[in-house]
Amino acid sequence: MHEGSGRSHPGTTLVTGAAGGLGRSVAVGLAARGCSVAMVDIDGKALAEAAEACRESGVQVIEIITDLTTDDGASGAIRQSVEAFGHLDILVNNAGYGTVEAFTDMTAAAWDRTLALNVKALALGCAAAGQHMKERGSGRIINVTSPASRMALPNYTAYAASKAAVDAITRAGAIALAPFGVRVNSLAPGMMDTPMQRVTEAQLAALNGREDVDAFLAERTARVPIGRRVECDEVAKGVIWLALDAPSYITAERLNFSGGLDRD
């Protein structure tokens, strides 16, 4: 992969949270573009199924089953990818966790789990990949953030706070690595039909005393100015654009992919 031209060049990539949802769509999309893909997830069975979908493109695929929240989880995944491919061109930090709790009922356990994956693991992954890319003089890091980072969400505060931290890490990483040819950007998807989104909205419905979950979901969808939810494959195109096609002059960017829901 070469910086500067803005043209597509297959490279070596690592995608976290790659077993399903957006992560799987990104991994499959990168493989279709000819990229070698390291797929990272804690769910080995689902990861194996997603990896087979990537292998249909005829590229090299490795599966890394790990808990990114452990001390060596993120850096270890980077190290395994470099050992397998010889180098790493692209890191997509997609793995995430969120749970619903009323503001006055928040728990330490929910905060610890949310921040461990969404913030600590992401930051350490950026650092490990950034050091490798800095030494090579090129690379791209894409962090998945959320409109939640700029919204007041009293029943989803830990998640919103964690994504605000992702925005801060993205800006810091972009500035730290810019002189070395490494670009760091983020993408903020709107409402996607993912397993985590479904669980979260069921929790929100229960917390709000709403028994008709379908009606609750329809009301939430109606808040999106475009009038519908976004598909994982659509968002994946944005991530892949940042990874392969975006001009190298773009860094510290937060790509709004929310259908107008986030408009600050």
C-alpha atoms as a PDB file:
ATOM      1  CA  MET A   1       0.000   0.000   0.000  1.00  0.00           C
ATOM      2  CA  HIS A   2       1.362   3.385  -0.996  1.00  0.00           C
ATOM      3  CA  GLU A   3       0.401   6.782   0.369  1.00  0.00           C
ATOM      4  CA  GLY A   4      -0.115   9.854  -1.713  1.00  0.00           C
ATOM      5  CA  SER A   5      -1.943   8.725  -4.840  1.00  0.00           C
ATOM      6  CA  GLY A   6      -5.433   8.251  -3.414  1.00  0.00           C
ATOM      7  CA  ARG A   7      -5.750   5.091  -5.564  1.00  0.00           C
ATOM      8  CA  SER A   8      -6.627   1.622  -4.294  1.00  0.00           C
ATOM      9  CA  HIS A   9      -3.704  -0.619  -3.361  1.00  0.00           C
ATOM     10  CA  PRO A  10      -4.298  -3.947  -1.621  1.00  0.00           C
ATOM     11  CA  GLY A  11      -2.486  -4.224   1.668  1.00  0.00           C
ATOM     12  CA  THR A  12      -2.285  -6.198   4.883  1.00  0.00           C
ATOM     13  CA  THR A  13      -5.050  -5.454   7.337  1.00  0.00           C
ATOM     14  CA  LEU A  14      -6.231  -6.247  10.844  1.00  0.00           C
ATOM     15  CA  VAL A  15      -9.890  -5.921  11.827  1.00  0.00           C
ATOM     16  CA  THR A  16     -11.033  -6.266  15.443  1.00  0.00           C
ATOM     17  CA  GLY A  17     -14.512  -7.491  16.275  1.00  0.00           C
ATOM     18  CA  ALA A  18     -14.451  -9.265  12.923  1.00  0.00           C
ATOM     19  CA  ALA A  19     -16.757 -12.198  13.710  1.00  0.00           C
ATOM     20  CA  GLY A  20     -20.005 -10.396  12.944  1.00  0.00           C
ATOM     21  CA  GLY A  21     -21.821  -7.156  12.252  1.00  0.00           C
ATOM     22  CA  LEU A  22     -19.762  -4.278  10.905  1.00  0.00           C
ATOM     23  CA  GLY A  23     -16.426  -5.991  11.542  1.00  0.00           C
ATOM     24  CA  ARG A  24     -17.343  -8.958   9.368  1.00  0.00           C
ATOM     25  CA  SER A  25     -18.585  -6.666   6.587  1.00  0.00           C
ATOM     26  CA  VAL A  26     -15.338  -4.680   6.695  1.00  0.00           C
ATOM     27  CA  ALA A  27     -13.175  -7.802   6.647  1.00  0.00           C
ATOM     28  CA  VAL A  28     -15.101  -9.347   3.755  1.00  0.00           C
ATOM     29  CA  GLY A  29     -14.998  -6.054   1.853  1.00  0.00           C
ATOM     30  CA  LEU A  30     -11.250  -5.664   2.339  1.00  0.00           C
ATOM     31  CA  ALA A  31     -10.686  -9.243   1.223  1.00  0.00           C
ATOM     32  CA  ALA A  32     -12.746  -8.575  -1.907  1.00  0.00           C
ATOM     33  CA  ARG A  33     -10.364  -5.704  -2.669  1.00  0.00           C
ATOM     34  CA  GLY A  34      -7.414  -8.101  -2.502  1.00  0.00           C
ATOM     35  CA  CYS A  35      -6.217  -7.364   1.033  1.00  0.00           C
ATOM     36  CA  SER A  36      -4.772  -9.977   3.352  1.00  0.00           C
ATOM     37  CA  VAL A  37      -6.878  -9.922   6.509  1.00  0.00           C
ATOM     38  CA  ALA A  38      -6.132 -10.703  10.144  1.00  0.00           C
ATOM     39  CA  MET A  39      -9.489 -11.175  11.846  1.00  0.00           C
ATOM     40  CA  VAL A  40      -9.666 -10.696  15.608  1.00  0.00           C
ATOM     41  CA  ASP A  41     -12.518 -11.678  17.906  1.00  0.00           C
ATOM     42  CA  ILE A  42     -13.248 -13.468  21.156  1.00  0.00           C
ATOM     43  CA  ASP A  43     -15.923 -15.678  19.516  1.00  0.00           C
ATOM     44  CA  GLY A  44     -13.962 -18.412  17.791  1.00  0.00           C
ATOM     45  CA  LYS A  45     -16.893 -20.181  16.122  1.00  0.00           C
ATOM     46  CA  ALA A  46     -18.340 -17.051  14.544  1.00  0.00           C
ATOM     47  CA  LEU A  47     -14.840 -15.898  13.606  1.00  0.00           C
ATOM     48  CA  ALA A  48     -14.182 -19.127  11.704  1.00  0.00           C
ATOM     49  CA  GLU A  49     -17.381 -18.654   9.702  1.00  0.00           C
ATOM     50  CA  ALA A  50     -16.501 -15.051   8.871  1.00  0.00           C
ATOM     51  CA  ALA A  51     -12.976 -16.072   7.894  1.00  0.00           C
ATOM     52  CA  GLU A  52     -14.326 -18.573   5.372  1.00  0.00           C
ATOM     53  CA  ALA A  53     -16.316 -15.778   3.751  1.00  0.00           C
ATOM     54  CA  CYS A  54     -13.087 -13.786   3.396  1.00  0.00           C
ATOM     55  CA  ARG A  55     -11.165 -16.736   1.987  1.00  0.00           C
ATOM     56  CA  GLU A  56     -13.631 -16.935  -0.902  1.00  0.00           C
ATOM     57  CA  SER A  57     -11.746 -13.926  -2.319  1.00  0.00           C
ATOM     58  CA  GLY A  58      -8.555 -15.970  -2.498  1.00  0.00           C
ATOM     59  CA  VAL A  59      -6.576 -13.859  -0.039  1.00  0.00           C
ATOM     60  CA  GLN A  60      -4.511 -14.808   2.998  1.00  0.00           C
ATOM     61  CA  VAL A  61      -6.635 -14.804   6.147  1.00  0.00           C
ATOM     62  CA  ILE A  62      -5.600 -15.476   9.725  1.00  0.00           C
ATOM     63  CA  GLU A  63      -7.886 -15.880  12.719  1.00  0.00           C
ATOM     64  CA  ILE A  64      -6.818 -14.479  16.074  1.00  0.00           C
ATOM     65  CA  ILE A  65      -9.039 -15.557  18.941  1.00  0.00           C
ATOM     66  CA  THR A  66      -8.234 -13.316  21.874  1.00  0.00           C
ATOM     67  CA  ASP A  67      -9.629 -11.111  24.598  1.00  0.00           C
ATOM     68  CA  LEU A  68      -8.489  -7.628  23.626  1.00  0.00           C
ATOM     69  CA  THR A  69      -9.011  -6.346  27.174  1.00  0.00           C
ATOM     70  CA  THR A  70      -6.106  -8.373  28.559  1.00  0.00           C
ATOM     71  CA  ASP A  71      -2.782  -6.590  29.028  1.00  0.00           C
ATOM     72  CA  ASP A  72      -1.284  -8.107  25.875  1.00  0.00           C
ATOM     73  CA  GLY A  73      -4.519  -8.565  23.930  1.00  0.00           C
ATOM     74  CA  ALA A  74      -4.284  -5.661  21.507  1.00  0.00           C
ATOM     75  CA  SER A  75      -0.509  -5.540  21.113  1.00  0.00           C
ATOM     76  CA  GLY A  76      -0.406  -9.323  20.814  1.00  0.00           C
ATOM     77  CA  ALA A  77      -2.886  -9.248  17.933  1.00  0.00           C
ATOM     78  CA  ILE A  78      -0.768  -6.644  16.156  1.00  0.00           C
ATOM     79  CA  ARG A  79       2.346  -8.751  16.715  1.00  0.00           C
ATOM     80  CA  GLN A  80       0.711 -11.922  15.360  1.00  0.00           C
ATOM     81  CA  SER A  81      -0.473 -10.056  12.268  1.00  0.00           C
ATOM     82  CA  VAL A  82       2.999  -8.692  11.540  1.00  0.00           C
ATOM     83  CA  GLU A  83       4.515 -12.143  12.030  1.00  0.00           C
ATOM     84  CA  ALA A  84       1.997 -13.673   9.619  1.00  0.00           C
ATOM     85  CA  PHE A  85       2.101 -11.009   6.897  1.00  0.00           C
ATOM     86  CA  GLY A  86       5.554  -9.510   7.343  1.00  0.00           C
ATOM     87  CA  HIS A  87       4.072  -6.064   7.935  1.00  0.00           C
ATOM     88  CA  LEU A  88       0.751  -4.364   8.659  1.00  0.00           C
ATOM     89  CA  ASP A  89      -0.687  -1.577   6.499  1.00  0.00           C
ATOM     90  CA  ILE A  90      -4.143  -1.048   7.985  1.00  0.00           C
ATOM     91  CA  LEU A  91      -5.736  -1.377  11.423  1.00  0.00           C
ATOM     92  CA  VAL A  92      -9.502  -1.163  11.834  1.00  0.00           C
ATOM     93  CA  ASN A  93     -10.488  -0.843  15.504  1.00  0.00           C
ATOM     94  CA  ASN A  94     -14.094  -2.013  15.381  1.00  0.00           C
ATOM     95  CA  ALA A  95     -14.560  -4.174  18.491  1.00  0.00           C
ATOM     96  CA  GLY A  96     -16.876  -2.573  21.002  1.00  0.00           C
ATOM     97  CA  TYR A  97     -19.181  -3.137  23.933  1.00  0.00           C
ATOM     98  CA  GLY A  98     -22.117  -1.253  25.360  1.00  0.00           C
ATOM     99  CA  THR A  99     -24.823  -1.838  27.931  1.00  0.00           C
ATOM    100  CA  VAL A 100     -27.800   0.163  29.132  1.00  0.00           C
ATOM    101  CA  GLU A 101     -28.028   1.429  32.715  1.00  0.00           C
ATOM    102  CA  ALA A 102     -30.063   4.274  34.160  1.00  0.00           C
ATOM    103  CA  PHE A 103     -27.770   7.148  35.112  1.00  0.00           C
ATOM    104  CA  THR A 104     -28.347   6.768  38.852  1.00  0.00           C
ATOM    105  CA  ASP A 105     -28.014   2.968  38.672  1.00  0.00           C
ATOM    106  CA  MET A 106     -24.662   2.780  36.889  1.00  0.00           C
ATOM    107  CA  THR A 107     -22.293   0.050  38.050  1.00  0.00           C
ATOM    108  CA  ALA A 108     -18.535  -0.251  38.265  1.00  0.00           C
ATOM    109  CA  ALA A 109     -18.650  -3.552  36.370  1.00  0.00           C
ATOM    110  CA  ALA A 110     -20.340  -1.975  33.336  1.00  0.00           C
ATOM    111  CA  TRP A 111     -17.879   0.922  33.300  1.00  0.00           C
ATOM    112  CA  ASP A 112     -14.876  -1.393  33.653  1.00  0.00           C
ATOM    113  CA  ARG A 113     -15.954  -3.652  30.795  1.00  0.00           C
ATOM    114  CA  THR A 114     -16.914  -0.776  28.494  1.00  0.00           C
ATOM    115  CA  LEU A 115     -13.748   1.224  29.016  1.00  0.00           C
ATOM    116  CA  ALA A 116     -11.492  -1.842  28.904  1.00  0.00           C
ATOM    117  CA  LEU A 117     -12.574  -2.741  25.370  1.00  0.00           C
ATOM    118  CA  ASN A 118     -13.732   0.526  23.825  1.00  0.00           C
ATOM    119  CA  VAL A 119     -10.927   2.701  25.195  1.00  0.00           C
ATOM    120  CA  LYS A 120      -7.945   0.844  26.641  1.00  0.00           C
ATOM    121  CA  ALA A 121      -7.765  -1.919  24.031  1.00  0.00           C
ATOM    122  CA  LEU A 122      -8.329   0.540  21.197  1.00  0.00           C
ATOM    123  CA  ALA A 123      -5.662   2.935  22.483  1.00  0.00           C
ATOM    124  CA  LEU A 124      -3.085   0.192  22.979  1.00  0.00           C
ATOM    125  CA  GLY A 125      -3.882  -1.210  19.545  1.00  0.00           C
ATOM    126  CA  CYS A 126      -3.331   2.221  18.031  1.00  0.00           C
ATOM    127  CA  ALA A 127      -0.037   2.517  19.883  1.00  0.00           C
ATOM    128  CA  ALA A 128       1.271  -0.900  18.842  1.00  0.00           C
ATOM    129  CA  ALA A 129       0.202  -0.538  15.215  1.00  0.00           C
ATOM    130  CA  GLY A 130       1.366   3.066  15.183  1.00  0.00           C
ATOM    131  CA  GLN A 131       4.879   2.121  16.295  1.00  0.00           C
ATOM    132  CA  HIS A 132       5.130  -0.513  13.561  1.00  0.00           C
ATOM    133  CA  MET A 133       3.712   1.799  10.890  1.00  0.00           C
ATOM    134  CA  LYS A 134       5.927   4.658  12.033  1.00  0.00           C
ATOM    135  CA  GLU A 135       9.004   2.505  11.484  1.00  0.00           C
ATOM    136  CA  ARG A 136       7.759   1.584   7.991  1.00  0.00           C
ATOM    137  CA  GLY A 137       6.808   5.157   7.097  1.00  0.00           C
ATOM    138  CA  SER A 138       3.200   4.457   6.130  1.00  0.00           C
ATOM    139  CA  GLY A 139      -0.070   3.036   7.385  1.00  0.00           C
ATOM    140  CA  ARG A 140      -3.674   3.802   8.139  1.00  0.00           C
ATOM    141  CA  ILE A 141      -5.678   3.388  11.334  1.00  0.00           C
ATOM    142  CA  ILE A 142      -9.469   3.657  11.362  1.00  0.00           C
ATOM    143  CA  ASN A 143     -11.330   3.766  14.666  1.00  0.00           C
ATOM    144  CA  VAL A 144     -15.068   3.119  14.831  1.00  0.00           C
ATOM    145  CA  THR A 145     -16.689   5.790  16.980  1.00  0.00           C
ATOM    146  CA  SER A 146     -20.356   6.746  17.352  1.00  0.00           C
ATOM    147  CA  PRO A 147     -22.766   9.696  17.260  1.00  0.00           C
ATOM    148  CA  ALA A 148     -23.192   8.827  20.953  1.00  0.00           C
ATOM    149  CA  SER A 149     -19.875  10.553  21.655  1.00  0.00           C
ATOM    150  CA  ARG A 150     -21.561  13.923  21.076  1.00  0.00           C
ATOM    151  CA  MET A 151     -25.000  13.196  22.527  1.00  0.00           C
ATOM    152  CA  ALA A 152     -26.496  13.350  26.026  1.00  0.00           C
ATOM    153  CA  LEU A 153     -27.489   9.741  26.765  1.00  0.00           C
ATOM    154  CA  PRO A 154     -28.288   9.302  30.473  1.00  0.00           C
ATOM    155  CA  ASN A 155     -29.135   5.611  30.019  1.00  0.00           C
ATOM    156  CA  TYR A 156     -26.060   4.869  27.922  1.00  0.00           C
ATOM    157  CA  THR A 157     -23.462   7.058  29.587  1.00  0.00           C
ATOM    158  CA  ALA A 158     -20.541   4.636  29.786  1.00  0.00           C
ATOM    159  CA  TYR A 159     -20.787   3.848  26.084  1.00  0.00           C
ATOM    160  CA  ALA A 160     -21.146   7.500  25.098  1.00  0.00           C
ATOM    161  CA  ALA A 161     -18.169   8.447  27.256  1.00  0.00           C
ATOM    162  CA  SER A 162     -16.083   5.638  25.775  1.00  0.00           C
ATOM    163  CA  LYS A 163     -16.759   6.848  22.248  1.00  0.00           C
ATOM    164  CA  ALA A 164     -15.860  10.410  23.223  1.00  0.00           C
ATOM    165  CA  ALA A 165     -12.559   8.900  24.343  1.00  0.00           C
ATOM    166  CA  VAL A 166     -12.204   7.209  20.944  1.00  0.00           C
ATOM    167  CA  ASP A 167     -12.559  10.630  19.308  1.00  0.00           C
ATOM    168  CA  ALA A 168      -9.820  11.992  21.572  1.00  0.00           C
ATOM    169  CA  ILE A 169      -7.516   9.034  20.887  1.00  0.00           C
ATOM    170  CA  THR A 170      -8.057   9.422  17.137  1.00  0.00           C
ATOM    171  CA  ARG A 171      -7.072  13.097  17.220  1.00  0.00           C
ATOM    172  CA  ALA A 172      -4.032  12.419  19.391  1.00  0.00           C
ATOM    173  CA  GLY A 173      -2.885   9.501  17.249  1.00  0.00           C
ATOM    174  CA  ALA A 174      -3.343  11.490  14.056  1.00  0.00           C
ATOM    175  CA  ILE A 175      -1.082  14.273  15.314  1.00  0.00           C
ATOM    176  CA  ALA A 176       1.511  11.934  16.824  1.00  0.00           C
ATOM    177  CA  LEU A 177       1.853   9.840  13.674  1.00  0.00           C
ATOM    178  CA  ALA A 178       1.294  12.407  10.915  1.00  0.00           C
ATOM    179  CA  PRO A 179       5.012  13.202  10.441  1.00  0.00           C
ATOM    180  CA  PHE A 180       5.713   9.518   9.783  1.00  0.00           C
ATOM    181  CA  GLY A 181       3.238   8.916   6.961  1.00  0.00           C
ATOM    182  CA  VAL A 182       0.580   7.286   9.152  1.00  0.00           C
ATOM    183  CA  ARG A 183      -3.007   8.506   8.885  1.00  0.00           C
ATOM    184  CA  VAL A 184      -5.508   8.076  11.728  1.00  0.00           C
ATOM    185  CA  ASN A 185      -9.208   8.689  11.157  1.00  0.00           C
ATOM    186  CA  SER A 186     -12.538   7.557  12.558  1.00  0.00           C
ATOM    187  CA  LEU A 187     -16.024   6.806  11.313  1.00  0.00           C
ATOM    188  CA  ALA A 188     -19.263   7.317  13.258  1.00  0.00           C
ATOM    189  CA  PRO A 189     -22.041   4.985  12.057  1.00  0.00           C
ATOM    190  CA  GLY A 190     -25.693   5.637  12.778  1.00  0.00           C
ATOM    191  CA  MET A 191     -28.238   2.965  13.737  1.00  0.00           C
ATOM    192  CA  MET A 192     -27.126  -0.383  12.306  1.00  0.00           C
ATOM    193  CA  ASP A 193     -28.848  -3.741  12.592  1.00  0.00           C
ATOM    194  CA  THR A 194     -26.118  -5.496  14.561  1.00  0.00           C
ATOM    195  CA  PRO A 195     -26.350  -7.965  17.475  1.00  0.00           C
ATOM    196  CA  MET A 196     -25.132  -5.286  19.905  1.00  0.00           C
ATOM    197  CA  GLN A 197     -27.629  -2.744  18.575  1.00  0.00           C
ATOM    198  CA  ARG A 198     -30.512  -5.202  18.981  1.00  0.00           C
ATOM    199  CA  VAL A 199     -29.559  -6.041  22.552  1.00  0.00           C
ATOM    200  CA  THR A 200     -29.059  -2.382  23.439  1.00  0.00           C
ATOM    201  CA  GLU A 201     -32.423  -1.298  22.056  1.00  0.00           C
ATOM    202  CA  ALA A 202     -34.223  -4.150  23.818  1.00  0.00           C
ATOM    203  CA  GLN A 203     -32.621  -2.944  27.044  1.00  0.00           C
ATOM    204  CA  LEU A 204     -33.640   0.649  26.324  1.00  0.00           C
ATOM    205  CA  ALA A 205     -37.215  -0.420  25.613  1.00  0.00           C
ATOM    206  CA  ALA A 206     -37.388  -2.299  28.912  1.00  0.00           C
ATOM    207  CA  LEU A 207     -35.891   0.612  30.836  1.00  0.00           C
ATOM    208  CA  ASN A 208     -38.508   2.915  29.320  1.00  0.00           C
ATOM    209  CA  GLY A 209     -41.340   0.531  30.162  1.00  0.00           C
ATOM    210  CA  ARG A 210     -42.065  -0.173  26.500  1.00  0.00           C
ATOM    211  CA  GLU A 211     -43.454  -3.642  25.846  1.00  0.00           C
ATOM    212  CA  ASP A 212     -43.994  -3.104  22.112  1.00  0.00           C
ATOM    213  CA  VAL A 213     -40.351  -3.240  21.062  1.00  0.00           C
ATOM    214  CA  ASP A 214     -41.166  -2.975  17.345  1.00  0.00           C
ATOM    215  CA  ALA A 215     -43.025   0.289  17.883  1.00  0.00           C
ATOM    216  CA  PHE A 216     -40.153   1.571  20.012  1.00  0.00           C
ATOM    217  CA  LEU A 217     -37.662   0.728  17.275  1.00  0.00           C
ATOM    218  CA  ALA A 218     -39.818   2.415  14.643  1.00  0.00           C
ATOM    219  CA  GLU A 219     -39.895   5.611  16.708  1.00  0.00           C
ATOM    220  CA  ARG A 220     -36.122   5.571  17.018  1.00  0.00           C
ATOM    221  CA  THR A 221     -35.693   4.988  13.305  1.00  0.00           C
ATOM    222  CA  ALA A 222     -37.981   7.940  12.586  1.00  0.00           C
ATOM    223  CA  ARG A 223     -35.393  10.195  14.272  1.00  0.00           C
ATOM    224  CA  VAL A 224     -32.984   9.573  11.385  1.00  0.00           C
ATOM    225  CA  PRO A 225     -33.473  12.358   8.796  1.00  0.00           C
ATOM    226  CA  ILE A 226     -32.761   9.989   5.901  1.00  0.00           C
ATOM    227  CA  GLY A 227     -35.640   7.883   7.202  1.00  0.00           C
ATOM    228  CA  ARG A 228     -34.044   4.478   7.609  1.00  0.00           C
ATOM    229  CA  ARG A 229     -31.320   2.564   9.381  1.00  0.00           C
ATOM    230  CA  VAL A 230     -27.981   1.895   7.748  1.00  0.00           C
ATOM    231  CA  GLU A 231     -26.764  -1.531   6.657  1.00  0.00           C
ATOM    232  CA  CYS A 232     -23.415  -2.867   7.849  1.00  0.00           C
ATOM    233  CA  ASP A 233     -22.262  -3.271   4.244  1.00  0.00           C
ATOM    234  CA  GLU A 234     -22.930   0.443   3.621  1.00  0.00           C
ATOM    235  CA  VAL A 235     -20.865   1.527   6.608  1.00  0.00           C
ATOM    236  CA  ALA A 236     -18.132  -0.912   5.629  1.00  0.00           C
ATOM    237  CA  LYS A 237     -17.751   0.968   2.344  1.00  0.00           C
ATOM    238  CA  GLY A 238     -16.932   4.102   4.345  1.00  0.00           C
ATOM    239  CA  VAL A 239     -14.359   2.285   6.454  1.00  0.00           C
ATOM    240  CA  ILE A 240     -12.779   0.748   3.359  1.00  0.00           C
ATOM    241  CA  TRP A 241     -12.658   4.151   1.663  1.00  0.00           C
ATOM    242  CA  LEU A 242     -10.699   5.549   4.599  1.00  0.00           C
ATOM    243  CA  ALA A 243      -8.452   2.483   4.593  1.00  0.00           C
ATOM    244  CA  LEU A 244      -7.665   2.290   0.883  1.00  0.00           C
ATOM    245  CA  ASP A 245      -8.966   5.186  -1.158  1.00  0.00           C
ATOM    246  CA  ALA A 246      -8.998   8.391   0.882  1.00  0.00           C
ATOM    247  CA  PRO A 247      -6.321  10.931  -0.109  1.00  0.00           C
ATOM    248  CA  SER A 248      -3.327  10.812   2.202  1.00  0.00           C
ATOM    249  CA  TYR A 249      -3.900  14.440   3.197  1.00  0.00           C
ATOM    250  CA  ILE A 250      -6.908  13.353   5.264  1.00  0.00           C
ATOM    251  CA  THR A 251      -6.099  12.672   8.910  1.00  0.00           C
ATOM    252  CA  ALA A 252      -7.792  13.377  12.272  1.00  0.00           C
ATOM    253  CA  GLU A 253     -11.094  13.178  10.385  1.00  0.00           C
ATOM    254  CA  ARG A 254     -14.332  11.960  11.989  1.00  0.00           C
ATOM    255  CA  LEU A 255     -16.481  10.702   9.114  1.00  0.00           C
ATOM    256  CA  ASN A 256     -20.152  11.175   9.956  1.00  0.00           C
ATOM    257  CA  PHE A 257     -22.070   8.150   8.653  1.00  0.00           C
ATOM    258  CA  SER A 258     -25.315   8.626  10.563  1.00  0.00           C
ATOM    259  CA  GLY A 259     -27.873   9.644   7.941  1.00  0.00           C
ATOM    260  CA  GLY A 260     -28.096  13.097   9.502  1.00  0.00           C
ATOM    261  CA  LEU A 261     -28.721  11.866  13.049  1.00  0.00           C
ATOM    262  CA  ASP A 262     -25.451  13.441  14.177  1.00  0.00           C
ATOM    263  CA  ARG A 263     -25.412  17.023  12.889  1.00  0.00           C
ATOM    264  CA  ASP A 264     -23.427  19.010  15.449  1.00  0.00           C
END
